[in-house]
């Protein structure tokens, strides 16, 4: 019976400049004769991607009764075959009115 490979990761990112990640990896495997235990320690430089301000700012806003924050249903969710045809026709009309260089006309696609 094979023993599953076990891997442990410990990450330490100090606050401040020159952040590093410390990684300790432990593996157990029965693929070799007997069990093997290997420990790897790597220091990988990491730039902090998130910074938090120590200042707390509070603003007045509208209540849910005053301002509806629910999104409107998109056109694609209400698309009927008739509406799709109307959109295609309008798009083709706009494209037909555009000035296009004669060498670029072959790239103009109409629906």
PDB file of N, CA and C in Angstrom:
ATOM      1  N   UNK A   1       0.847  -1.187   0.000  1.00  0.00           N
ATOM      2  CA  UNK A   1       0.000   0.000   0.000  1.00  0.00           C
ATOM      3  C   UNK A   1       0.885   1.240   0.000  1.00  0.00           C
ATOM      4  N   UNK A   2       0.582   2.194  -0.850  1.00  0.00           N
ATOM      5  CA  UNK A   2       1.365   3.422  -0.919  1.00  0.00           C
ATOM      6  C   UNK A   2       0.867   4.427   0.098  1.00  0.00           C
ATOM      7  N   UNK A   3       1.814   5.124   0.708  1.00  0.00           N
ATOM      8  CA  UNK A   3       1.457   6.206   1.632  1.00  0.00           C
ATOM      9  C   UNK A   3       1.343   7.493   0.836  1.00  0.00           C
ATOM     10  N   UNK A   4       0.321   8.263   1.102  1.00  0.00           N
ATOM     11  CA  UNK A   4       0.110   9.529   0.390  1.00  0.00           C
ATOM     12  C   UNK A   4       1.227  10.505   0.711  1.00  0.00           C
ATOM     13  N   UNK A   5       1.549  11.341  -0.249  1.00  0.00           N
ATOM     14  CA  UNK A   5       2.552  12.376  -0.046  1.00  0.00           C
ATOM     15  C   UNK A   5       1.978  13.464   0.845  1.00  0.00           C
ATOM     16  N   UNK A   6       2.722  13.841   1.878  1.00  0.00           N
ATOM     17  CA  UNK A   6       2.290  14.895   2.793  1.00  0.00           C
ATOM     18  C   UNK A   6       3.161  16.115   2.560  1.00  0.00           C
ATOM     19  N   UNK A   7       2.542  17.258   2.386  1.00  0.00           N
ATOM     20  CA  UNK A   7       3.280  18.498   2.178  1.00  0.00           C
ATOM     21  C   UNK A   7       2.759  19.536   3.148  1.00  0.00           C
ATOM     22  N   UNK A   8       3.666  20.171   3.876  1.00  0.00           N
ATOM     23  CA  UNK A   8       3.300  21.249   4.796  1.00  0.00           C
ATOM     24  C   UNK A   8       3.955  22.528   4.307  1.00  0.00           C
ATOM     25  N   UNK A   9       3.212  23.604   4.285  1.00  0.00           N
ATOM     26  CA  UNK A   9       3.748  24.901   3.912  1.00  0.00           C
ATOM     27  C   UNK A   9       3.556  25.866   5.060  1.00  0.00           C
ATOM     28  N   UNK A  10       4.583  26.606   5.384  1.00  0.00           N
ATOM     29  CA  UNK A  10       4.484  27.685   6.357  1.00  0.00           C
ATOM     30  C   UNK A  10       4.939  28.944   5.650  1.00  0.00           C
ATOM     31  N   UNK A  11       4.110  29.955   5.651  1.00  0.00           N
ATOM     32  CA  UNK A  11       4.448  31.214   4.990  1.00  0.00           C
ATOM     33  C   UNK A  11       4.553  32.305   6.037  1.00  0.00           C
ATOM     34  N   UNK A  12       5.603  33.081   5.950  1.00  0.00           N
ATOM     35  CA  UNK A  12       5.807  34.195   6.868  1.00  0.00           C
ATOM     36  C   UNK A  12       6.141  35.415   6.035  1.00  0.00           C
ATOM     37  N   UNK A  13       5.290  36.421   6.090  1.00  0.00           N
ATOM     38  CA  UNK A  13       5.530  37.659   5.354  1.00  0.00           C
ATOM     39  C   UNK A  13       5.640  38.786   6.367  1.00  0.00           C
ATOM     40  N   UNK A  14       6.865  39.271   6.650  1.00  0.00           N
ATOM     41  CA  UNK A  14       7.019  40.359   7.611  1.00  0.00           C
ATOM     42  C   UNK A  14       6.474  41.666   7.069  1.00  0.00           C
ATOM     43  N   UNK A  15       5.979  42.510   7.960  1.00  0.00           N
ATOM     44  CA  UNK A  15       5.469  43.823   7.587  1.00  0.00           C
ATOM     45  C   UNK A  15       6.652  44.755   7.391  1.00  0.00           C
ATOM     46  N   UNK A  16       6.617  45.533   6.326  1.00  0.00           N
ATOM     47  CA  UNK A  16       7.703  46.463   6.039  1.00  0.00           C
ATOM     48  C   UNK A  16       8.285  46.185   4.676  1.00  0.00           C
ATOM     49  N   UNK A  17       9.366  46.867   4.365  1.00  0.00           N
ATOM     50  CA  UNK A  17       9.969  46.703   3.043  1.00  0.00           C
ATOM     51  C   UNK A  17      10.801  45.434   2.990  1.00  0.00           C
ATOM     52  N   UNK A  18      11.021  44.947   1.771  1.00  0.00           N
ATOM     53  CA  UNK A  18      11.826  43.750   1.569  1.00  0.00           C
ATOM     54  C   UNK A  18      11.143  42.502   2.095  1.00  0.00           C
ATOM     55  N   UNK A  19       9.851  42.361   1.840  1.00  0.00           N
ATOM     56  CA  UNK A  19       9.102  41.220   2.349  1.00  0.00           C
ATOM     57  C   UNK A  19       9.625  39.928   1.744  1.00  0.00           C
ATOM     58  N   UNK A  20       9.607  38.857   2.516  1.00  0.00           N
ATOM     59  CA  UNK A  20      10.023  37.550   2.037  1.00  0.00           C
ATOM     60  C   UNK A  20       8.982  36.520   2.428  1.00  0.00           C
ATOM     61  N   UNK A  21       8.997  35.401   1.723  1.00  0.00           N
ATOM     62  CA  UNK A  21       8.132  34.277   2.069  1.00  0.00           C
ATOM     63  C   UNK A  21       9.038  33.142   2.490  1.00  0.00           C
ATOM     64  N   UNK A  22       8.804  32.580   3.668  1.00  0.00           N
ATOM     65  CA  UNK A  22       9.573  31.445   4.145  1.00  0.00           C
ATOM     66  C   UNK A  22       8.727  30.208   3.930  1.00  0.00           C
ATOM     67  N   UNK A  23       9.271  29.221   3.261  1.00  0.00           N
ATOM     68  CA  UNK A  23       8.510  28.022   2.942  1.00  0.00           C
ATOM     69  C   UNK A  23       9.243  26.811   3.474  1.00  0.00           C
ATOM     70  N   UNK A  24       8.623  26.067   4.382  1.00  0.00           N
ATOM     71  CA  UNK A  24       9.152  24.799   4.860  1.00  0.00           C
ATOM     72  C   UNK A  24       8.310  23.695   4.253  1.00  0.00           C
ATOM     73  N   UNK A  25       8.940  22.780   3.539  1.00  0.00           N
ATOM     74  CA  UNK A  25       8.208  21.718   2.881  1.00  0.00           C
ATOM     75  C   UNK A  25       8.647  20.385   3.448  1.00  0.00           C
ATOM     76  N   UNK A  26       7.692  19.554   3.843  1.00  0.00           N
ATOM     77  CA  UNK A  26       7.977  18.213   4.323  1.00  0.00           C
ATOM     78  C   UNK A  26       7.259  17.238   3.421  1.00  0.00           C
ATOM     79  N   UNK A  27       7.991  16.236   2.926  1.00  0.00           N
ATOM     80  CA  UNK A  27       7.348  15.241   2.078  1.00  0.00           C
ATOM     81  C   UNK A  27       7.619  13.861   2.642  1.00  0.00           C
ATOM     82  N   UNK A  28       6.611  13.018   2.608  1.00  0.00           N
ATOM     83  CA  UNK A  28       6.733  11.606   2.947  1.00  0.00           C
ATOM     84  C   UNK A  28       6.297  10.824   1.727  1.00  0.00           C
ATOM     85  N   UNK A  29       7.071   9.863   1.318  1.00  0.00           N
ATOM     86  CA  UNK A  29       6.700   9.101   0.146  1.00  0.00           C
ATOM     87  C   UNK A  29       7.215   7.683   0.284  1.00  0.00           C
ATOM     88  N   UNK A  30       6.436   6.710  -0.169  1.00  0.00           N
ATOM     89  CA  UNK A  30       6.877   5.319  -0.124  1.00  0.00           C
ATOM     90  C   UNK A  30       7.352   4.857  -1.494  1.00  0.00           C
ATOM     91  N   UNK A  31       7.543   5.796  -2.402  1.00  0.00           N
ATOM     92  CA  UNK A  31       8.019   5.433  -3.736  1.00  0.00           C
ATOM     93  C   UNK A  31       9.467   4.960  -3.682  1.00  0.00           C
ATOM     94  N   UNK A  32      10.222   5.405  -2.701  1.00  0.00           N
ATOM     95  CA  UNK A  32      11.608   4.995  -2.533  1.00  0.00           C
ATOM     96  C   UNK A  32      11.640   3.921  -1.463  1.00  0.00           C
ATOM     97  N   UNK A  33      12.764   3.228  -1.331  1.00  0.00           N
ATOM     98  CA  UNK A  33      12.856   2.226  -0.275  1.00  0.00           C
ATOM     99  C   UNK A  33      12.848   2.923   1.071  1.00  0.00           C
ATOM    100  N   UNK A  34      11.902   2.576   1.913  1.00  0.00           N
ATOM    101  CA  UNK A  34      11.770   3.235   3.205  1.00  0.00           C
ATOM    102  C   UNK A  34      11.106   4.586   3.032  1.00  0.00           C
ATOM    103  N   UNK A  35      10.964   5.327   4.111  1.00  0.00           N
ATOM    104  CA  UNK A  35      10.353   6.655   4.076  1.00  0.00           C
ATOM    105  C   UNK A  35      11.436   7.705   3.976  1.00  0.00           C
ATOM    106  N   UNK A  36      11.172   8.733   3.196  1.00  0.00           N
ATOM    107  CA  UNK A  36      12.127   9.832   3.082  1.00  0.00           C
ATOM    108  C   UNK A  36      11.508  11.080   3.668  1.00  0.00           C
ATOM    109  N   UNK A  37      12.291  11.849   4.355  1.00  0.00           N
ATOM    110  CA  UNK A  37      11.867  13.132   4.910  1.00  0.00           C
ATOM    111  C   UNK A  37      12.843  14.176   4.403  1.00  0.00           C
ATOM    112  N   UNK A  38      12.347  15.132   3.645  1.00  0.00           N
ATOM    113  CA  UNK A  38      13.228  16.194   3.178  1.00  0.00           C
ATOM    114  C   UNK A  38      12.660  17.523   3.619  1.00  0.00           C
ATOM    115  N   UNK A  39      13.507  18.418   4.053  1.00  0.00           N
ATOM    116  CA  UNK A  39      13.099  19.747   4.493  1.00  0.00           C
ATOM    117  C   UNK A  39      13.751  20.768   3.579  1.00  0.00           C
ATOM    118  N   UNK A  40      12.931  21.620   2.995  1.00  0.00           N
ATOM    119  CA  UNK A  40      13.431  22.682   2.124  1.00  0.00           C
ATOM    120  C   UNK A  40      13.027  24.012   2.724  1.00  0.00           C
ATOM    121  N   UNK A  41      13.940  24.963   2.746  1.00  0.00           N
ATOM    122  CA  UNK A  41      13.609  26.301   3.226  1.00  0.00           C
ATOM    123  C   UNK A  41      14.028  27.288   2.151  1.00  0.00           C
ATOM    124  N   UNK A  42      13.068  28.058   1.650  1.00  0.00           N
ATOM    125  CA  UNK A  42      13.342  29.034   0.598  1.00  0.00           C
ATOM    126  C   UNK A  42      12.915  30.407   1.068  1.00  0.00           C
ATOM    127  N   UNK A  43      13.658  31.410   0.700  1.00  0.00           N
ATOM    128  CA  UNK A  43      13.272  32.798   0.951  1.00  0.00           C
ATOM    129  C   UNK A  43      13.037  33.441  -0.406  1.00  0.00           C
ATOM    130  N   UNK A  44      11.782  33.730  -0.694  1.00  0.00           N
ATOM    131  CA  UNK A  44      11.385  34.297  -1.977  1.00  0.00           C
ATOM    132  C   UNK A  44      10.940  35.732  -1.743  1.00  0.00           C
ATOM    133  N   UNK A  45      11.567  36.721  -2.400  1.00  0.00           N
ATOM    134  CA  UNK A  45      11.133  38.111  -2.194  1.00  0.00           C
ATOM    135  C   UNK A  45       9.721  38.323  -2.735  1.00  0.00           C
ATOM    136  N   UNK A  46       8.900  39.007  -1.951  1.00  0.00           N
ATOM    137  CA  UNK A  46       7.514  39.272  -2.325  1.00  0.00           C
ATOM    138  C   UNK A  46       7.220  40.740  -2.090  1.00  0.00           C
ATOM    139  N   UNK A  47       6.646  41.383  -3.100  1.00  0.00           N
ATOM    140  CA  UNK A  47       6.225  42.772  -2.947  1.00  0.00           C
ATOM    141  C   UNK A  47       4.825  42.784  -2.356  1.00  0.00           C
ATOM    142  N   UNK A  48       4.596  43.560  -1.296  1.00  0.00           N
ATOM    143  CA  UNK A  48       3.236  43.621  -0.747  1.00  0.00           C
ATOM    144  C   UNK A  48       2.281  44.226  -1.773  1.00  0.00           C
ATOM    145  N   UNK A  49       1.135  43.576  -1.983  1.00  0.00           N
ATOM    146  CA  UNK A  49       0.182  44.036  -2.984  1.00  0.00           C
ATOM    147  C   UNK A  49      -0.953  44.835  -2.367  1.00  0.00           C
ATOM    148  N   UNK A  50      -1.122  44.738  -1.063  1.00  0.00           N
ATOM    149  CA  UNK A  50      -2.216  45.432  -0.392  1.00  0.00           C
ATOM    150  C   UNK A  50      -1.639  46.258   0.743  1.00  0.00           C
ATOM    151  N   UNK A  51      -2.091  47.479   0.833  1.00  0.00           N
ATOM    152  CA  UNK A  51      -1.701  48.346   1.944  1.00  0.00           C
ATOM    153  C   UNK A  51      -2.962  48.941   2.544  1.00  0.00           C
ATOM    154  N   UNK A  52      -2.991  49.070   3.853  1.00  0.00           N
ATOM    155  CA  UNK A  52      -4.135  49.627   4.543  1.00  0.00           C
ATOM    156  C   UNK A  52      -3.738  50.934   5.200  1.00  0.00           C
ATOM    157  N   UNK A  53      -4.623  51.896   5.126  1.00  0.00           N
ATOM    158  CA  UNK A  53      -4.387  53.192   5.747  1.00  0.00           C
ATOM    159  C   UNK A  53      -4.758  53.109   7.217  1.00  0.00           C
ATOM    160  N   UNK A  54      -4.052  53.839   8.040  1.00  0.00           N
ATOM    161  CA  UNK A  54      -4.387  53.886   9.463  1.00  0.00           C
ATOM    162  C   UNK A  54      -5.531  54.860   9.717  1.00  0.00           C
ATOM    163  N   UNK A  55      -5.867  55.681   8.712  1.00  0.00           N
ATOM    164  CA  UNK A  55      -6.980  56.633   8.847  1.00  0.00           C
ATOM    165  C   UNK A  55      -8.300  55.932   8.560  1.00  0.00           C
ATOM    166  N   UNK A  56      -9.305  56.210   9.371  1.00  0.00           N
ATOM    167  CA  UNK A  56     -10.645  55.674   9.153  1.00  0.00           C
ATOM    168  C   UNK A  56     -11.532  56.820   8.695  1.00  0.00           C
ATOM    169  N   UNK A  57     -12.138  56.674   7.524  1.00  0.00           N
ATOM    170  CA  UNK A  57     -13.005  57.707   6.965  1.00  0.00           C
ATOM    171  C   UNK A  57     -14.425  57.176   6.892  1.00  0.00           C
ATOM    172  N   UNK A  58     -15.369  57.928   7.410  1.00  0.00           N
ATOM    173  CA  UNK A  58     -16.783  57.563   7.358  1.00  0.00           C
ATOM    174  C   UNK A  58     -17.539  58.625   6.582  1.00  0.00           C
ATOM    175  N   UNK A  59     -18.427  58.184   5.713  1.00  0.00           N
ATOM    176  CA  UNK A  59     -19.217  59.096   4.904  1.00  0.00           C
ATOM    177  C   UNK A  59     -20.696  58.778   5.080  1.00  0.00           C
ATOM    178  N   UNK A  60     -21.526  59.811   4.964  1.00  0.00           N
ATOM    179  CA  UNK A  60     -22.967  59.605   4.960  1.00  0.00           C
ATOM    180  C   UNK A  60     -23.368  59.047   3.601  1.00  0.00           C
ATOM    181  N   UNK A  61     -24.351  58.183   3.593  1.00  0.00           N
ATOM    182  CA  UNK A  61     -24.843  57.623   2.346  1.00  0.00           C
ATOM    183  C   UNK A  61     -26.357  57.480   2.426  1.00  0.00           C
ATOM    184  N   UNK A  62     -26.947  57.039   1.345  1.00  0.00           N
ATOM    185  CA  UNK A  62     -28.396  56.899   1.285  1.00  0.00           C
ATOM    186  C   UNK A  62     -28.828  55.572   1.900  1.00  0.00           C
ATOM    187  N   UNK A  63     -30.032  55.531   2.441  1.00  0.00           N
ATOM    188  CA  UNK A  63     -30.587  54.280   2.952  1.00  0.00           C
ATOM    189  C   UNK A  63     -31.090  53.457   1.776  1.00  0.00           C
ATOM    190  N   UNK A  64     -31.399  52.189   2.024  1.00  0.00           N
ATOM    191  CA  UNK A  64     -31.885  51.346   0.928  1.00  0.00           C
ATOM    192  C   UNK A  64     -33.251  51.792   0.421  1.00  0.00           C
ATOM    193  N   UNK A  65     -34.006  52.524   1.249  1.00  0.00           N
ATOM    194  CA  UNK A  65     -35.291  53.068   0.791  1.00  0.00           C
ATOM    195  C   UNK A  65     -35.091  54.257  -0.149  1.00  0.00           C
ATOM    196  N   UNK A  66     -33.989  54.993   0.039  1.00  0.00           N
ATOM    197  CA  UNK A  66     -33.708  56.180  -0.773  1.00  0.00           C
ATOM    198  C   UNK A  66     -32.959  55.848  -2.065  1.00  0.00           C
ATOM    199  N   UNK A  67     -32.172  54.758  -2.048  1.00  0.00           N
ATOM    200  CA  UNK A  67     -31.327  54.440  -3.197  1.00  0.00           C
ATOM    201  C   UNK A  67     -31.310  52.927  -3.404  1.00  0.00           C
ATOM    202  N   UNK A  68     -31.828  52.491  -4.536  1.00  0.00           N
ATOM    203  CA  UNK A  68     -31.885  51.067  -4.853  1.00  0.00           C
ATOM    204  C   UNK A  68     -30.542  50.630  -5.422  1.00  0.00           C
ATOM    205  N   UNK A  69     -29.842  49.759  -4.724  1.00  0.00           N
ATOM    206  CA  UNK A  69     -28.515  49.303  -5.148  1.00  0.00           C
ATOM    207  C   UNK A  69     -28.561  48.001  -5.951  1.00  0.00           C
ATOM    208  N   UNK A  70     -29.737  47.478  -6.210  1.00  0.00           N
ATOM    209  CA  UNK A  70     -29.845  46.244  -6.980  1.00  0.00           C
ATOM    210  C   UNK A  70     -29.578  46.529  -8.457  1.00  0.00           C
ATOM    211  N   UNK A  71     -28.814  45.665  -9.118  1.00  0.00           N
ATOM    212  CA  UNK A  71     -28.497  45.909 -10.529  1.00  0.00           C
ATOM    213  C   UNK A  71     -29.718  45.693 -11.416  1.00  0.00           C
ATOM    214  N   UNK A  72     -29.730  46.415 -12.523  1.00  0.00           N
ATOM    215  CA  UNK A  72     -30.789  46.223 -13.508  1.00  0.00           C
ATOM    216  C   UNK A  72     -30.444  45.000 -14.345  1.00  0.00           C
ATOM    217  N   UNK A  73     -31.455  44.334 -14.821  1.00  0.00           N
ATOM    218  CA  UNK A  73     -31.237  43.173 -15.668  1.00  0.00           C
ATOM    219  C   UNK A  73     -30.638  43.636 -16.995  1.00  0.00           C
ATOM    220  N   UNK A  74     -29.593  42.983 -17.438  1.00  0.00           N
ATOM    221  CA  UNK A  74     -28.929  43.360 -18.678  1.00  0.00           C
ATOM    222  C   UNK A  74     -29.753  43.005 -19.899  1.00  0.00           C
ATOM    223  N   UNK A  75     -29.472  43.676 -21.003  1.00  0.00           N
ATOM    224  CA  UNK A  75     -30.187  43.427 -22.250  1.00  0.00           C
ATOM    225  C   UNK A  75     -30.053  41.966 -22.660  1.00  0.00           C
ATOM    226  N   UNK A  76     -28.878  41.379 -22.428  1.00  0.00           N
ATOM    227  CA  UNK A  76     -28.662  39.997 -22.852  1.00  0.00           C
ATOM    228  C   UNK A  76     -29.599  39.026 -22.134  1.00  0.00           C
ATOM    229  N   UNK A  77     -30.073  39.395 -20.932  1.00  0.00           N
ATOM    230  CA  UNK A  77     -31.002  38.528 -20.200  1.00  0.00           C
ATOM    231  C   UNK A  77     -32.435  38.665 -20.702  1.00  0.00           C
ATOM    232  N   UNK A  78     -32.724  39.726 -21.440  1.00  0.00           N
ATOM    233  CA  UNK A  78     -34.076  39.963 -21.956  1.00  0.00           C
ATOM    234  C   UNK A  78     -34.118  39.928 -23.478  1.00  0.00           C
ATOM    235  N   UNK A  79     -33.116  39.343 -24.097  1.00  0.00           N
ATOM    236  CA  UNK A  79     -32.984  39.385 -25.548  1.00  0.00           C
ATOM    237  C   UNK A  79     -33.983  38.440 -26.222  1.00  0.00           C
ATOM    238  N   UNK A  80     -34.784  39.009 -27.079  1.00  0.00           N
ATOM    239  CA  UNK A  80     -35.718  38.223 -27.896  1.00  0.00           C
ATOM    240  C   UNK A  80     -35.171  38.212 -29.320  1.00  0.00           C
ATOM    241  N   UNK A  81     -35.602  37.291 -30.150  1.00  0.00           N
ATOM    242  CA  UNK A  81     -35.129  37.286 -31.541  1.00  0.00           C
ATOM    243  C   UNK A  81     -35.405  38.610 -32.254  1.00  0.00           C
ATOM    244  N   UNK A  82     -36.548  39.214 -31.975  1.00  0.00           N
ATOM    245  CA  UNK A  82     -36.898  40.490 -32.609  1.00  0.00           C
ATOM    246  C   UNK A  82     -35.949  41.598 -32.149  1.00  0.00           C
ATOM    247  N   UNK A  83     -35.631  41.641 -30.841  1.00  0.00           N
ATOM    248  CA  UNK A  83     -34.708  42.650 -30.319  1.00  0.00           C
ATOM    249  C   UNK A  83     -33.306  42.435 -30.878  1.00  0.00           C
ATOM    250  N   UNK A  84     -32.880  41.181 -31.034  1.00  0.00           N
ATOM    251  CA  UNK A  84     -31.564  40.884 -31.605  1.00  0.00           C
ATOM    252  C   UNK A  84     -31.463  41.410 -33.031  1.00  0.00           C
ATOM    253  N   UNK A  85     -32.515  41.241 -33.814  1.00  0.00           N
ATOM    254  CA  UNK A  85     -32.533  41.746 -35.196  1.00  0.00           C
ATOM    255  C   UNK A  85     -32.457  43.268 -35.212  1.00  0.00           C
ATOM    256  N   UNK A  86     -33.178  43.921 -34.312  1.00  0.00           N
ATOM    257  CA  UNK A  86     -33.144  45.386 -34.238  1.00  0.00           C
ATOM    258  C   UNK A  86     -31.737  45.881 -33.890  1.00  0.00           C
ATOM    259  N   UNK A  87     -31.065  45.204 -32.954  1.00  0.00           N
ATOM    260  CA  UNK A  87     -29.705  45.602 -32.561  1.00  0.00           C
ATOM    261  C   UNK A  87     -28.744  45.408 -33.727  1.00  0.00           C
ATOM    262  N   UNK A  88     -28.831  44.270 -34.428  1.00  0.00           N
ATOM    263  CA  UNK A  88     -27.968  44.019 -35.591  1.00  0.00           C
ATOM    264  C   UNK A  88     -28.172  45.082 -36.668  1.00  0.00           C
ATOM    265  N   UNK A  89     -29.432  45.416 -36.943  1.00  0.00           N
ATOM    266  CA  UNK A  89     -29.719  46.423 -37.974  1.00  0.00           C
ATOM    267  C   UNK A  89     -29.147  47.783 -37.593  1.00  0.00           C
ATOM    268  N   UNK A  90     -29.299  48.157 -36.328  1.00  0.00           N
ATOM    269  CA  UNK A  90     -28.757  49.444 -35.876  1.00  0.00           C
ATOM    270  C   UNK A  90     -27.230  49.455 -35.972  1.00  0.00           C
ATOM    271  N   UNK A  91     -26.598  48.350 -35.600  1.00  0.00           N
ATOM    272  CA  UNK A  91     -25.138  48.263 -35.682  1.00  0.00           C
ATOM    273  C   UNK A  91     -24.671  48.345 -37.133  1.00  0.00           C
ATOM    274  N   UNK A  92     -25.339  47.638 -38.022  1.00  0.00           N
ATOM    275  CA  UNK A  92     -24.983  47.695 -39.443  1.00  0.00           C
ATOM    276  C   UNK A  92     -25.167  49.096 -40.013  1.00  0.00           C
ATOM    277  N   UNK A  93     -26.212  49.780 -39.571  1.00  0.00           N
ATOM    278  CA  UNK A  93     -26.474  51.150 -40.024  1.00  0.00           C
ATOM    279  C   UNK A  93     -25.341  52.088 -39.592  1.00  0.00           C
ATOM    280  N   UNK A  94     -24.916  51.970 -38.349  1.00  0.00           N
ATOM    281  CA  UNK A  94     -23.818  52.809 -37.839  1.00  0.00           C
ATOM    282  C   UNK A  94     -22.539  52.508 -38.602  1.00  0.00           C
ATOM    283  N   UNK A  95     -22.255  51.224 -38.834  1.00  0.00           N
ATOM    284  CA  UNK A  95     -21.040  50.853 -39.570  1.00  0.00           C
ATOM    285  C   UNK A  95     -21.077  51.374 -41.006  1.00  0.00           C
ATOM    286  N   UNK A  96     -22.247  51.363 -41.627  1.00  0.00           N
ATOM    287  CA  UNK A  96     -22.374  51.828 -43.011  1.00  0.00           C
ATOM    288  C   UNK A  96     -22.131  53.326 -43.116  1.00  0.00           C
ATOM    289  N   UNK A  97     -22.441  54.071 -42.054  1.00  0.00           N
ATOM    290  CA  UNK A  97     -22.256  55.525 -42.053  1.00  0.00           C
ATOM    291  C   UNK A  97     -20.817  55.939 -41.732  1.00  0.00           C
ATOM    292  N   UNK A  98     -20.025  55.032 -41.196  1.00  0.00           N
ATOM    293  CA  UNK A  98     -18.654  55.377 -40.793  1.00  0.00           C
ATOM    294  C   UNK A  98     -17.755  55.550 -42.012  1.00  0.00           C
ATOM    295  N   UNK A  99     -16.818  56.494 -41.899  1.00  0.00           N
ATOM    296  CA  UNK A  99     -15.818  56.654 -42.949  1.00  0.00           C
ATOM    297  C   UNK A  99     -14.718  55.629 -42.713  1.00  0.00           C
ATOM    298  N   UNK A 100     -14.467  54.814 -43.723  1.00  0.00           N
ATOM    299  CA  UNK A 100     -13.450  53.764 -43.609  1.00  0.00           C
ATOM    300  C   UNK A 100     -12.511  53.894 -44.803  1.00  0.00           C
ATOM    301  N   UNK A 101     -11.209  53.810 -44.550  1.00  0.00           N
ATOM    302  CA  UNK A 101     -10.217  53.868 -45.625  1.00  0.00           C
ATOM    303  C   UNK A 101     -10.481  52.723 -46.594  1.00  0.00           C
ATOM    304  N   UNK A 102     -10.316  52.997 -47.892  1.00  0.00           N
ATOM    305  CA  UNK A 102     -10.668  51.993 -48.895  1.00  0.00           C
ATOM    306  C   UNK A 102      -9.869  50.697 -48.756  1.00  0.00           C
ATOM    307  N   UNK A 103      -8.628  50.764 -48.254  1.00  0.00           N
ATOM    308  CA  UNK A 103      -7.844  49.540 -48.065  1.00  0.00           C
ATOM    309  C   UNK A 103      -8.271  48.768 -46.809  1.00  0.00           C
ATOM    310  N   UNK A 104      -9.069  49.399 -45.955  1.00  0.00           N
ATOM    311  CA  UNK A 104      -9.543  48.741 -44.731  1.00  0.00           C
ATOM    312  C   UNK A 104     -10.978  48.248 -44.855  1.00  0.00           C
ATOM    313  N   UNK A 105     -11.635  48.574 -45.948  1.00  0.00           N
ATOM    314  CA  UNK A 105     -13.042  48.170 -46.109  1.00  0.00           C
ATOM    315  C   UNK A 105     -13.214  46.658 -46.095  1.00  0.00           C
ATOM    316  N   UNK A 106     -12.211  45.938 -46.542  1.00  0.00           N
ATOM    317  CA  UNK A 106     -12.313  44.471 -46.569  1.00  0.00           C
ATOM    318  C   UNK A 106     -12.383  43.878 -45.157  1.00  0.00           C
ATOM    319  N   UNK A 107     -12.009  44.668 -44.149  1.00  0.00           N
ATOM    320  CA  UNK A 107     -12.049  44.194 -42.762  1.00  0.00           C
ATOM    321  C   UNK A 107     -13.344  44.570 -42.042  1.00  0.00           C
ATOM    322  N   UNK A 108     -14.205  45.334 -42.705  1.00  0.00           N
ATOM    323  CA  UNK A 108     -15.463  45.746 -42.087  1.00  0.00           C
ATOM    324  C   UNK A 108     -16.448  44.592 -42.175  1.00  0.00           C
ATOM    325  N   UNK A 109     -16.980  44.190 -41.022  1.00  0.00           N
ATOM    326  CA  UNK A 109     -17.900  43.054 -40.959  1.00  0.00           C
ATOM    327  C   UNK A 109     -19.304  43.545 -40.654  1.00  0.00           C
ATOM    328  N   UNK A 110     -20.232  43.135 -41.477  1.00  0.00           N
ATOM    329  CA  UNK A 110     -21.643  43.442 -41.239  1.00  0.00           C
ATOM    330  C   UNK A 110     -22.337  42.173 -40.769  1.00  0.00           C
ATOM    331  N   UNK A 111     -23.324  42.345 -39.920  1.00  0.00           N
ATOM    332  CA  UNK A 111     -24.070  41.198 -39.378  1.00  0.00           C
ATOM    333  C   UNK A 111     -25.309  40.951 -40.187  1.00  0.00           C
TER     334      UNK A 111
END
